[in-house]
Amino acid sequence: MHYQDDAKYRLKLAEGFFKEAEDDVKLSRWRSCVDNAQLAVENSGKAILCLFGPLEKTHEPSLQLERLLEQRRIPGKLVPQIEEILPLLGELGSEEHFLTDYGDEESSLSPWELFSKEDADKAIAIARKCLRAAKRVCKIYLSETRKIRRFAPHDFD
C-alpha cells in the first residue's frame, strides 16, 4: 500500500471506530465505548505514522511518534499538533486495549466491571481530539508535499 493510501485507510478505520464508540455511549455500553475509542485513537496515531515510513505492528503509536520527534523526522509545522496529542495516544494505548478485551485478571474483574460512564466519556473526548489532530496533520502534510494526485487535502476533513 502506498503511504497516502495507508494514511487514508487508517483515518477511515479511526472514523468508523469513533462512530461506534459514540453509538456505544448512547446504548450505555461503557466497555465497548472505551474499546472502540482506543481503536480510534490507535488508528489516528497510525494514520500520522504512515506519512513518515512503514508502520510497525503496535498498539502504542505514541512510542513510534516520540521516536520520530526525537529524530527530527517530522516537519516543524506539524510538531506542535503531534506533541499535543502524544500524551493522549499513550493514555488510550495497549493497557486499555487489553483491559477492554480481557479485564483485570489479577483482581478477577471482567471488562464489563472495569469501565464506567465517566471512563467512556473521557475515552470519547480523547478519541475526538486525536482523530481531529490526525486529520489536520494528514491534510497539512499531504497538501505541502504535493506528491499526491489521487487525494485532495479535503479527503482528510
Protein backbone atom coordinates (compact mmCIF):
# COMPACT_ATOMS: atom_id res chain seq x y z
CA MET A 1 0.00 0.00 0.00
CA HIS A 2 1.25 3.49 -0.79
CA TYR A 3 1.67 5.75 2.24
CA GLN A 4 -1.17 8.11 1.25
CA ASP A 5 -3.48 5.13 0.75
CA ASP A 6 -2.47 3.73 4.12
CA ALA A 7 -3.00 7.07 5.89
CA LYS A 8 -6.43 7.45 4.34
CA TYR A 9 -7.30 3.86 5.27
CA ARG A 10 -6.20 4.39 8.89
CA LEU A 11 -8.32 7.54 9.10
CA LYS A 12 -11.28 5.58 7.76
CA LEU A 13 -10.73 2.97 10.48
CA ALA A 14 -10.40 5.67 13.14
CA GLU A 15 -13.63 7.33 11.99
CA GLY A 16 -15.51 4.01 12.00
CA PHE A 17 -14.34 3.07 15.49
CA PHE A 18 -15.12 6.59 16.73
CA LYS A 19 -18.67 6.37 15.38
CA GLU A 20 -19.13 3.01 17.08
CA ALA A 21 -17.82 4.49 20.34
CA GLU A 22 -20.42 7.27 20.09
CA ASP A 23 -23.13 4.67 19.45
CA ASP A 24 -21.92 2.66 22.46
CA VAL A 25 -22.37 5.70 24.74
CA LYS A 26 -25.98 6.04 23.59
CA LEU A 27 -26.51 2.38 24.48
CA SER A 28 -24.66 2.64 27.84
CA ARG A 29 -22.05 0.11 26.71
CA TRP A 30 -19.11 1.59 28.59
CA ARG A 31 -16.59 -1.21 27.96
CA SER A 32 -17.38 -1.28 24.28
CA CYS A 33 -17.14 2.51 24.07
CA VAL A 34 -13.67 2.55 25.63
CA ASP A 35 -12.61 -0.33 23.37
CA ASN A 36 -13.78 1.43 20.21
CA ALA A 37 -12.37 4.79 21.36
CA GLN A 38 -9.00 3.11 21.98
CA LEU A 39 -9.04 1.73 18.43
CA ALA A 40 -9.97 5.16 17.07
CA VAL A 41 -7.03 6.69 18.95
CA GLU A 42 -4.64 3.95 17.85
CA ASN A 43 -5.60 4.29 14.19
CA SER A 44 -5.41 8.09 14.38
CA GLY A 45 -1.81 7.76 15.55
CA LYS A 46 -1.08 5.18 12.88
CA ALA A 47 -2.50 7.47 10.17
CA ILE A 48 0.14 10.02 11.11
CA LEU A 49 2.88 7.41 11.29
CA CYS A 50 2.08 6.18 7.77
CA LEU A 51 3.19 9.54 6.42
CA PHE A 52 6.75 9.03 7.65
CA GLY A 53 7.54 5.43 6.81
CA PRO A 54 6.47 1.83 7.21
CA LEU A 55 4.06 1.10 10.01
CA GLU A 56 5.25 -1.20 12.77
CA LYS A 57 2.82 -3.61 14.42
CA THR A 58 1.86 -1.86 17.64
CA HIS A 59 -0.97 -0.78 19.91
CA GLU A 60 1.25 2.12 21.04
CA PRO A 61 1.75 4.52 18.10
CA SER A 62 2.85 7.15 20.61
CA LEU A 63 6.19 5.36 21.02
CA GLN A 64 6.95 5.50 17.28
CA LEU A 65 5.83 9.13 17.08
CA GLU A 66 8.09 10.04 20.02
CA ARG A 67 10.99 8.38 18.22
CA LEU A 68 10.24 10.32 15.02
CA LEU A 69 10.14 13.58 17.00
CA GLU A 70 13.47 12.76 18.67
CA GLN A 71 14.99 12.01 15.24
CA ARG A 72 13.57 15.30 13.93
CA ARG A 73 11.90 13.50 11.04
CA ILE A 74 8.64 15.41 11.40
CA PRO A 75 8.35 18.84 9.73
CA GLY A 76 8.37 21.66 12.27
CA LYS A 77 4.92 22.86 11.31
CA LEU A 78 3.42 19.53 12.44
CA VAL A 79 5.37 19.12 15.67
CA PRO A 80 3.03 21.15 17.94
CA GLN A 81 -0.04 19.22 16.79
CA ILE A 82 1.66 15.89 17.32
CA GLU A 83 3.08 16.91 20.69
CA GLU A 84 -0.41 17.98 21.74
CA ILE A 85 -1.91 14.52 21.19
CA LEU A 86 1.12 12.43 22.18
CA PRO A 87 0.05 12.06 25.83
CA LEU A 88 -3.49 11.24 24.70
CA LEU A 89 -2.25 8.49 22.40
CA GLY A 90 -0.42 6.99 25.36
CA GLU A 91 -3.38 7.37 27.67
CA LEU A 92 -5.53 5.11 25.49
CA GLY A 93 -2.83 2.65 24.50
CA SER A 94 -2.17 -1.04 24.85
CA GLU A 95 -3.16 -1.24 28.53
CA GLU A 96 -6.73 -0.18 27.75
CA HIS A 97 -6.70 -2.41 24.68
CA PHE A 98 -6.02 -5.45 26.85
CA LEU A 99 -8.29 -4.38 29.73
CA THR A 100 -11.29 -3.91 27.42
CA ASP A 101 -10.76 -7.37 25.96
CA TYR A 102 -9.58 -9.43 28.93
CA GLY A 103 -10.40 -7.48 32.05
CA ASP A 104 -8.11 -7.39 35.06
CA GLU A 105 -7.06 -10.97 35.59
CA GLU A 106 -5.20 -10.22 38.85
CA SER A 107 -8.34 -8.94 40.55
CA SER A 108 -10.70 -11.20 38.55
CA LEU A 109 -12.68 -8.23 37.25
CA SER A 110 -14.28 -8.70 33.87
CA PRO A 111 -14.06 -5.96 31.26
CA TRP A 112 -17.68 -5.02 31.96
CA GLU A 113 -16.88 -4.41 35.63
CA LEU A 114 -13.93 -2.14 34.91
CA PHE A 115 -15.42 0.70 32.91
CA SER A 116 -17.93 3.39 33.85
CA LYS A 117 -19.77 6.17 32.06
CA GLU A 118 -17.01 8.56 33.16
CA ASP A 119 -14.41 6.29 31.55
CA ALA A 120 -16.45 6.21 28.35
CA ASP A 121 -16.90 9.99 28.30
CA LYS A 122 -13.18 10.52 28.83
CA ALA A 123 -12.28 7.98 26.11
CA ILE A 124 -14.65 9.65 23.61
CA ALA A 125 -13.12 13.06 24.30
CA ILE A 126 -9.59 11.70 23.79
CA ALA A 127 -10.60 9.90 20.59
CA ARG A 128 -12.25 13.06 19.21
CA LYS A 129 -9.10 15.14 19.82
CA CYS A 130 -6.80 12.50 18.32
CA LEU A 131 -8.96 12.00 15.24
CA ARG A 132 -9.20 15.74 14.59
CA ALA A 133 -5.46 16.16 15.02
CA ALA A 134 -4.68 13.20 12.74
CA LYS A 135 -6.91 14.62 10.01
CA ARG A 136 -5.27 18.03 10.37
CA VAL A 137 -1.74 16.58 10.26
CA CYS A 138 -2.54 14.44 7.21
CA LYS A 139 -4.16 17.36 5.41
CA ILE A 140 -1.25 19.71 6.07
CA TYR A 141 1.44 17.15 5.28
CA LEU A 142 -0.16 15.94 2.08
CA SER A 143 -1.02 19.40 0.79
CA GLU A 144 2.53 20.64 1.45
CA THR A 145 4.34 17.70 -0.07
CA ARG A 146 2.28 17.99 -3.23
CA LYS A 147 3.27 14.43 -4.03
CA ILE A 148 -0.27 13.26 -4.33
CA ARG A 149 -2.64 13.41 -7.21
CA ARG A 150 -5.26 10.85 -6.14
CA PHE A 151 -6.27 12.59 -2.91
CA ALA A 152 -7.08 16.17 -2.29
CA PRO A 153 -6.44 17.62 1.18
CA HIS A 154 -10.21 17.78 1.76
CA ASP A 155 -10.27 13.95 1.73
CA PHE A 156 -8.91 14.20 5.27
CA ASP A 157 -11.59 16.55 6.62
